[in-house]
Amino acid sequence: MNGKFWGNVGFGAVLVCLVAFAVTKISASSGVEGLLLPEVKVSDSTAELLHSVELVRSAVMLQTTGHKVDAAFAIENRGGHDIKNISVLCTLFDAAGKEQGRDKWIVFDTVKAQGHGMFTFSDNRFISDSAVRSKCQIVDLEIAKAPLVTVHRGSAKVSGDSGKH
């Protein structure tokens, strides 16, 4: 019994442990779909802001030809801060109510405090043709901060002896 034999035994033991771990994870979740599509969780910083920012309306429509997807979102900001980089996650379902996947859209525009915005997207995405219904929610957003540098455009005034050298 040399080092190669003990190395193979150790490798086999690690491999058996990994397979056992994978089997317990799959059986503990709601099958392979539950493992690949885990529950949606919102970050703590986003959860604090979601009481004042709301996804009022959402619609995801698949076109019959190609992989064209149209999405529209209406977002209302009742808070005191401007909001930007709003991530909207949509879960897609078939006619029987079975989940067909998820897709995310990011609104890079800013929704002003006490304002609202309507945002539309038209993308080529690979979404199941059997998806007929969607459920969307905001999963991430940021407070829009004032820029560090502002640029003022206009004519510059030159004082002193302009034109004389």
C-alpha atoms as a PDB file:
ATOM      1  CA  MET A   1       0.000   0.000   0.000  1.00  0.00           C
ATOM      2  CA  ASN A   2       1.721   3.077  -1.258  1.00  0.00           C
ATOM      3  CA  GLY A   3       0.826   6.768  -1.383  1.00  0.00           C
ATOM      4  CA  LYS A   4      -1.077   6.404  -4.657  1.00  0.00           C
ATOM      5  CA  PHE A   5      -3.451   3.877  -3.077  1.00  0.00           C
ATOM      6  CA  TRP A   6      -4.188   6.146  -0.087  1.00  0.00           C
ATOM      7  CA  GLY A   7      -4.621   9.109  -2.428  1.00  0.00           C
ATOM      8  CA  ASN A   8      -7.243   7.190  -4.420  1.00  0.00           C
ATOM      9  CA  VAL A   9      -9.007   6.167  -1.193  1.00  0.00           C
ATOM     10  CA  GLY A  10      -9.082   9.806  -0.021  1.00  0.00           C
ATOM     11  CA  PHE A  11     -10.334  11.020  -3.381  1.00  0.00           C
ATOM     12  CA  GLY A  12     -13.071   8.382  -3.374  1.00  0.00           C
ATOM     13  CA  ALA A  13     -14.153   9.394   0.136  1.00  0.00           C
ATOM     14  CA  VAL A  14     -14.380  13.073  -0.849  1.00  0.00           C
ATOM     15  CA  LEU A  15     -16.357  12.157  -3.966  1.00  0.00           C
ATOM     16  CA  VAL A  16     -18.840  10.054  -1.946  1.00  0.00           C
ATOM     17  CA  CYS A  17     -19.293  12.949   0.531  1.00  0.00           C
ATOM     18  CA  LEU A  18     -19.983  15.421  -2.297  1.00  0.00           C
ATOM     19  CA  VAL A  19     -22.578  13.117  -3.882  1.00  0.00           C
ATOM     20  CA  ALA A  20     -24.274  12.592  -0.504  1.00  0.00           C
ATOM     21  CA  PHE A  21     -24.332  16.361   0.084  1.00  0.00           C
ATOM     22  CA  ALA A  22     -25.869  16.998  -3.356  1.00  0.00           C
ATOM     23  CA  VAL A  23     -28.542  14.345  -2.832  1.00  0.00           C
ATOM     24  CA  THR A  24     -29.545  15.789   0.559  1.00  0.00           C
ATOM     25  CA  LYS A  25     -29.696  19.333  -0.881  1.00  0.00           C
ATOM     26  CA  ILE A  26     -31.901  18.265  -3.784  1.00  0.00           C
ATOM     27  CA  SER A  27     -34.216  16.213  -1.589  1.00  0.00           C
ATOM     28  CA  ALA A  28     -34.471  19.013   1.021  1.00  0.00           C
ATOM     29  CA  SER A  29     -35.450  21.582  -1.611  1.00  0.00           C
ATOM     30  CA  SER A  30     -38.556  21.348  -3.745  1.00  0.00           C
ATOM     31  CA  GLY A  31     -36.737  19.304  -6.380  1.00  0.00           C
ATOM     32  CA  VAL A  32     -34.274  20.453  -8.989  1.00  0.00           C
ATOM     33  CA  GLU A  33     -36.403  23.499  -9.883  1.00  0.00           C
ATOM     34  CA  GLY A  34     -36.258  24.717  -6.285  1.00  0.00           C
ATOM     35  CA  LEU A  35     -32.500  24.334  -6.307  1.00  0.00           C
ATOM     36  CA  LEU A  36     -32.035  26.173  -9.615  1.00  0.00           C
ATOM     37  CA  LEU A  37     -34.679  28.849  -8.893  1.00  0.00           C
ATOM     38  CA  PRO A  38     -34.305  29.690  -5.188  1.00  0.00           C
ATOM     39  CA  GLU A  39     -36.726  31.939  -3.325  1.00  0.00           C
ATOM     40  CA  VAL A  40     -36.380  35.632  -4.163  1.00  0.00           C
ATOM     41  CA  LYS A  41     -34.865  37.626  -1.301  1.00  0.00           C
ATOM     42  CA  VAL A  42     -34.580  41.399  -1.084  1.00  0.00           C
ATOM     43  CA  SER A  43     -31.501  42.969   0.515  1.00  0.00           C
ATOM     44  CA  ASP A  44     -31.885  44.736   3.876  1.00  0.00           C
ATOM     45  CA  SER A  45     -31.030  48.162   2.439  1.00  0.00           C
ATOM     46  CA  THR A  46     -33.655  47.722  -0.276  1.00  0.00           C
ATOM     47  CA  ALA A  47     -36.275  46.449   2.183  1.00  0.00           C
ATOM     48  CA  GLU A  48     -35.983  49.711   4.138  1.00  0.00           C
ATOM     49  CA  LEU A  49     -36.776  51.752   1.017  1.00  0.00           C
ATOM     50  CA  LEU A  50     -39.559  49.512  -0.333  1.00  0.00           C
ATOM     51  CA  HIS A  51     -42.112  51.015   2.058  1.00  0.00           C
ATOM     52  CA  SER A  52     -41.953  54.210  -0.002  1.00  0.00           C
ATOM     53  CA  VAL A  53     -41.167  52.819  -3.492  1.00  0.00           C
ATOM     54  CA  GLU A  54     -43.805  50.683  -5.187  1.00  0.00           C
ATOM     55  CA  LEU A  55     -44.135  48.818  -8.460  1.00  0.00           C
ATOM     56  CA  VAL A  56     -47.637  50.023  -9.292  1.00  0.00           C
ATOM     57  CA  ARG A  57     -48.109  48.145 -12.585  1.00  0.00           C
ATOM     58  CA  SER A  58     -46.126  45.617 -14.555  1.00  0.00           C
ATOM     59  CA  ALA A  59     -46.667  43.774 -17.815  1.00  0.00           C
ATOM     60  CA  VAL A  60     -44.476  41.285 -19.663  1.00  0.00           C
ATOM     61  CA  MET A  61     -45.657  40.341 -23.153  1.00  0.00           C
ATOM     62  CA  LEU A  62     -44.111  37.758 -25.480  1.00  0.00           C
ATOM     63  CA  GLN A  63     -44.448  38.369 -29.196  1.00  0.00           C
ATOM     64  CA  THR A  64     -45.443  35.367 -31.281  1.00  0.00           C
ATOM     65  CA  THR A  65     -42.454  35.540 -33.628  1.00  0.00           C
ATOM     66  CA  GLY A  66     -38.817  35.462 -32.605  1.00  0.00           C
ATOM     67  CA  HIS A  67     -37.690  35.987 -29.048  1.00  0.00           C
ATOM     68  CA  LYS A  68     -38.996  39.536 -28.703  1.00  0.00           C
ATOM     69  CA  VAL A  69     -40.195  40.491 -25.216  1.00  0.00           C
ATOM     70  CA  ASP A  70     -41.947  43.741 -24.332  1.00  0.00           C
ATOM     71  CA  ALA A  71     -42.037  44.819 -20.681  1.00  0.00           C
ATOM     72  CA  ALA A  72     -43.612  47.874 -19.052  1.00  0.00           C
ATOM     73  CA  PHE A  73     -43.268  49.006 -15.446  1.00  0.00           C
ATOM     74  CA  ALA A  74     -44.898  51.873 -13.540  1.00  0.00           C
ATOM     75  CA  ILE A  75     -42.931  52.850 -10.425  1.00  0.00           C
ATOM     76  CA  GLU A  76     -44.103  55.284  -7.764  1.00  0.00           C
ATOM     77  CA  ASN A  77     -41.711  56.926  -5.291  1.00  0.00           C
ATOM     78  CA  ARG A  78     -43.479  58.344  -2.236  1.00  0.00           C
ATOM     79  CA  GLY A  79     -40.212  58.739  -0.307  1.00  0.00           C
ATOM     80  CA  GLY A  80     -37.982  61.705   0.331  1.00  0.00           C
ATOM     81  CA  HIS A  81     -35.042  60.495  -1.786  1.00  0.00           C
ATOM     82  CA  ASP A  82     -34.575  60.210  -5.529  1.00  0.00           C
ATOM     83  CA  ILE A  83     -34.229  56.536  -6.536  1.00  0.00           C
ATOM     84  CA  LYS A  84     -32.162  55.025  -9.378  1.00  0.00           C
ATOM     85  CA  ASN A  85     -30.939  51.631 -10.664  1.00  0.00           C
ATOM     86  CA  ILE A  86     -34.196  49.870  -9.861  1.00  0.00           C
ATOM     87  CA  SER A  87     -34.025  46.100 -10.487  1.00  0.00           C
ATOM     88  CA  VAL A  88     -37.365  44.491 -11.314  1.00  0.00           C
ATOM     89  CA  LEU A  89     -37.485  40.674 -11.240  1.00  0.00           C
ATOM     90  CA  CYS A  90     -40.362  38.971 -13.032  1.00  0.00           C
ATOM     91  CA  THR A  91     -41.316  35.349 -12.426  1.00  0.00           C
ATOM     92  CA  LEU A  92     -43.026  33.827 -15.467  1.00  0.00           C
ATOM     93  CA  PHE A  93     -45.756  31.163 -15.264  1.00  0.00           C
ATOM     94  CA  ASP A  94     -47.514  28.916 -17.776  1.00  0.00           C
ATOM     95  CA  ALA A  95     -51.290  28.413 -18.046  1.00  0.00           C
ATOM     96  CA  ALA A  96     -51.218  25.711 -15.343  1.00  0.00           C
ATOM     97  CA  GLY A  97     -49.426  28.052 -12.908  1.00  0.00           C
ATOM     98  CA  LYS A  98     -46.058  26.278 -13.097  1.00  0.00           C
ATOM     99  CA  GLU A  99     -43.012  28.549 -12.943  1.00  0.00           C
ATOM    100  CA  GLN A 100     -41.284  28.840 -16.324  1.00  0.00           C
ATOM    101  CA  GLY A 101     -38.337  30.980 -15.300  1.00  0.00           C
ATOM    102  CA  ARG A 102     -37.354  34.462 -14.223  1.00  0.00           C
ATOM    103  CA  ASP A 103     -36.043  37.525 -15.951  1.00  0.00           C
ATOM    104  CA  LYS A 104     -34.702  40.814 -14.626  1.00  0.00           C
ATOM    105  CA  TRP A 105     -34.921  44.338 -15.987  1.00  0.00           C
ATOM    106  CA  ILE A 106     -32.975  47.291 -14.583  1.00  0.00           C
ATOM    107  CA  VAL A 107     -34.376  50.821 -14.739  1.00  0.00           C
ATOM    108  CA  PHE A 108     -31.312  53.061 -14.867  1.00  0.00           C
ATOM    109  CA  ASP A 109     -33.378  56.262 -14.926  1.00  0.00           C
ATOM    110  CA  THR A 110     -34.026  58.246 -11.763  1.00  0.00           C
ATOM    111  CA  VAL A 111     -37.470  58.400 -10.173  1.00  0.00           C
ATOM    112  CA  LYS A 112     -37.664  61.701  -8.318  1.00  0.00           C
ATOM    113  CA  ALA A 113     -38.885  61.950  -4.731  1.00  0.00           C
ATOM    114  CA  GLN A 114     -42.687  62.181  -4.582  1.00  0.00           C
ATOM    115  CA  GLY A 115     -42.790  61.285  -8.292  1.00  0.00           C
ATOM    116  CA  HIS A 116     -43.502  58.393 -10.572  1.00  0.00           C
ATOM    117  CA  GLY A 117     -42.226  56.982 -13.823  1.00  0.00           C
ATOM    118  CA  MET A 118     -43.354  54.684 -16.623  1.00  0.00           C
ATOM    119  CA  PHE A 119     -40.603  52.586 -18.209  1.00  0.00           C
ATOM    120  CA  THR A 120     -40.835  50.306 -21.239  1.00  0.00           C
ATOM    121  CA  PHE A 121     -38.378  47.775 -22.615  1.00  0.00           C
ATOM    122  CA  SER A 122     -38.298  45.819 -25.852  1.00  0.00           C
ATOM    123  CA  ASP A 123     -35.597  43.141 -25.858  1.00  0.00           C
ATOM    124  CA  ASN A 124     -34.626  39.893 -27.510  1.00  0.00           C
ATOM    125  CA  ARG A 125     -34.616  37.341 -24.685  1.00  0.00           C
ATOM    126  CA  PHE A 126     -34.932  33.585 -24.481  1.00  0.00           C
ATOM    127  CA  ILE A 127     -38.170  33.084 -22.572  1.00  0.00           C
ATOM    128  CA  SER A 128     -40.355  29.980 -22.695  1.00  0.00           C
ATOM    129  CA  ASP A 129     -43.163  30.198 -25.257  1.00  0.00           C
ATOM    130  CA  SER A 130     -45.528  28.643 -22.710  1.00  0.00           C
ATOM    131  CA  ALA A 131     -45.251  31.630 -20.333  1.00  0.00           C
ATOM    132  CA  VAL A 132     -48.608  33.417 -20.212  1.00  0.00           C
ATOM    133  CA  ARG A 133     -48.511  35.269 -16.876  1.00  0.00           C
ATOM    134  CA  SER A 134     -45.925  37.146 -14.857  1.00  0.00           C
ATOM    135  CA  LYS A 135     -45.480  38.314 -11.287  1.00  0.00           C
ATOM    136  CA  CYS A 136     -42.994  41.150 -10.875  1.00  0.00           C
ATOM    137  CA  GLN A 137     -41.384  42.798  -7.866  1.00  0.00           C
ATOM    138  CA  ILE A 138     -38.631  45.265  -7.069  1.00  0.00           C
ATOM    139  CA  VAL A 139     -35.599  43.417  -5.722  1.00  0.00           C
ATOM    140  CA  ASP A 140     -32.953  46.152  -5.613  1.00  0.00           C
ATOM    141  CA  LEU A 141     -32.619  49.926  -5.869  1.00  0.00           C
ATOM    142  CA  GLU A 142     -30.277  52.743  -4.894  1.00  0.00           C
ATOM    143  CA  ILE A 143     -30.675  56.239  -3.529  1.00  0.00           C
ATOM    144  CA  ALA A 144     -29.585  58.728  -6.180  1.00  0.00           C
ATOM    145  CA  LYS A 145     -26.923  60.974  -4.683  1.00  0.00           C
ATOM    146  CA  ALA A 146     -25.983  64.423  -5.888  1.00  0.00           C
ATOM    147  CA  PRO A 147     -23.053  64.361  -8.321  1.00  0.00           C
ATOM    148  CA  LEU A 148     -19.637  65.238  -6.924  1.00  0.00           C
ATOM    149  CA  VAL A 149     -18.825  67.514  -9.857  1.00  0.00           C
ATOM    150  CA  THR A 150     -21.245  69.741 -11.727  1.00  0.00           C
ATOM    151  CA  VAL A 151     -20.560  71.221 -15.134  1.00  0.00           C
ATOM    152  CA  HIS A 152     -21.908  74.678 -15.882  1.00  0.00           C
ATOM    153  CA  ARG A 153     -22.131  75.448 -19.540  1.00  0.00           C
ATOM    154  CA  GLY A 154     -22.026  78.973 -20.928  1.00  0.00           C
ATOM    155  CA  SER A 155     -19.631  81.683 -21.944  1.00  0.00           C
ATOM    156  CA  ALA A 156     -16.612  82.230 -19.776  1.00  0.00           C
ATOM    157  CA  LYS A 157     -15.744  85.757 -18.721  1.00  0.00           C
ATOM    158  CA  VAL A 158     -12.121  86.726 -18.927  1.00  0.00           C
ATOM    159  CA  SER A 159     -10.970  89.614 -16.799  1.00  0.00           C
ATOM    160  CA  GLY A 160      -7.908  91.716 -17.301  1.00  0.00           C
ATOM    161  CA  ASP A 161      -6.156  92.575 -20.521  1.00  0.00           C
ATOM    162  CA  SER A 162      -7.805  90.234 -22.919  1.00  0.00           C
ATOM    163  CA  GLY A 163      -6.184  90.136 -26.310  1.00  0.00           C
ATOM    164  CA  LYS A 164      -3.048  92.069 -25.238  1.00  0.00           C
ATOM    165  CA  HIS A 165       0.209  90.168 -24.972  1.00  0.00           C
END
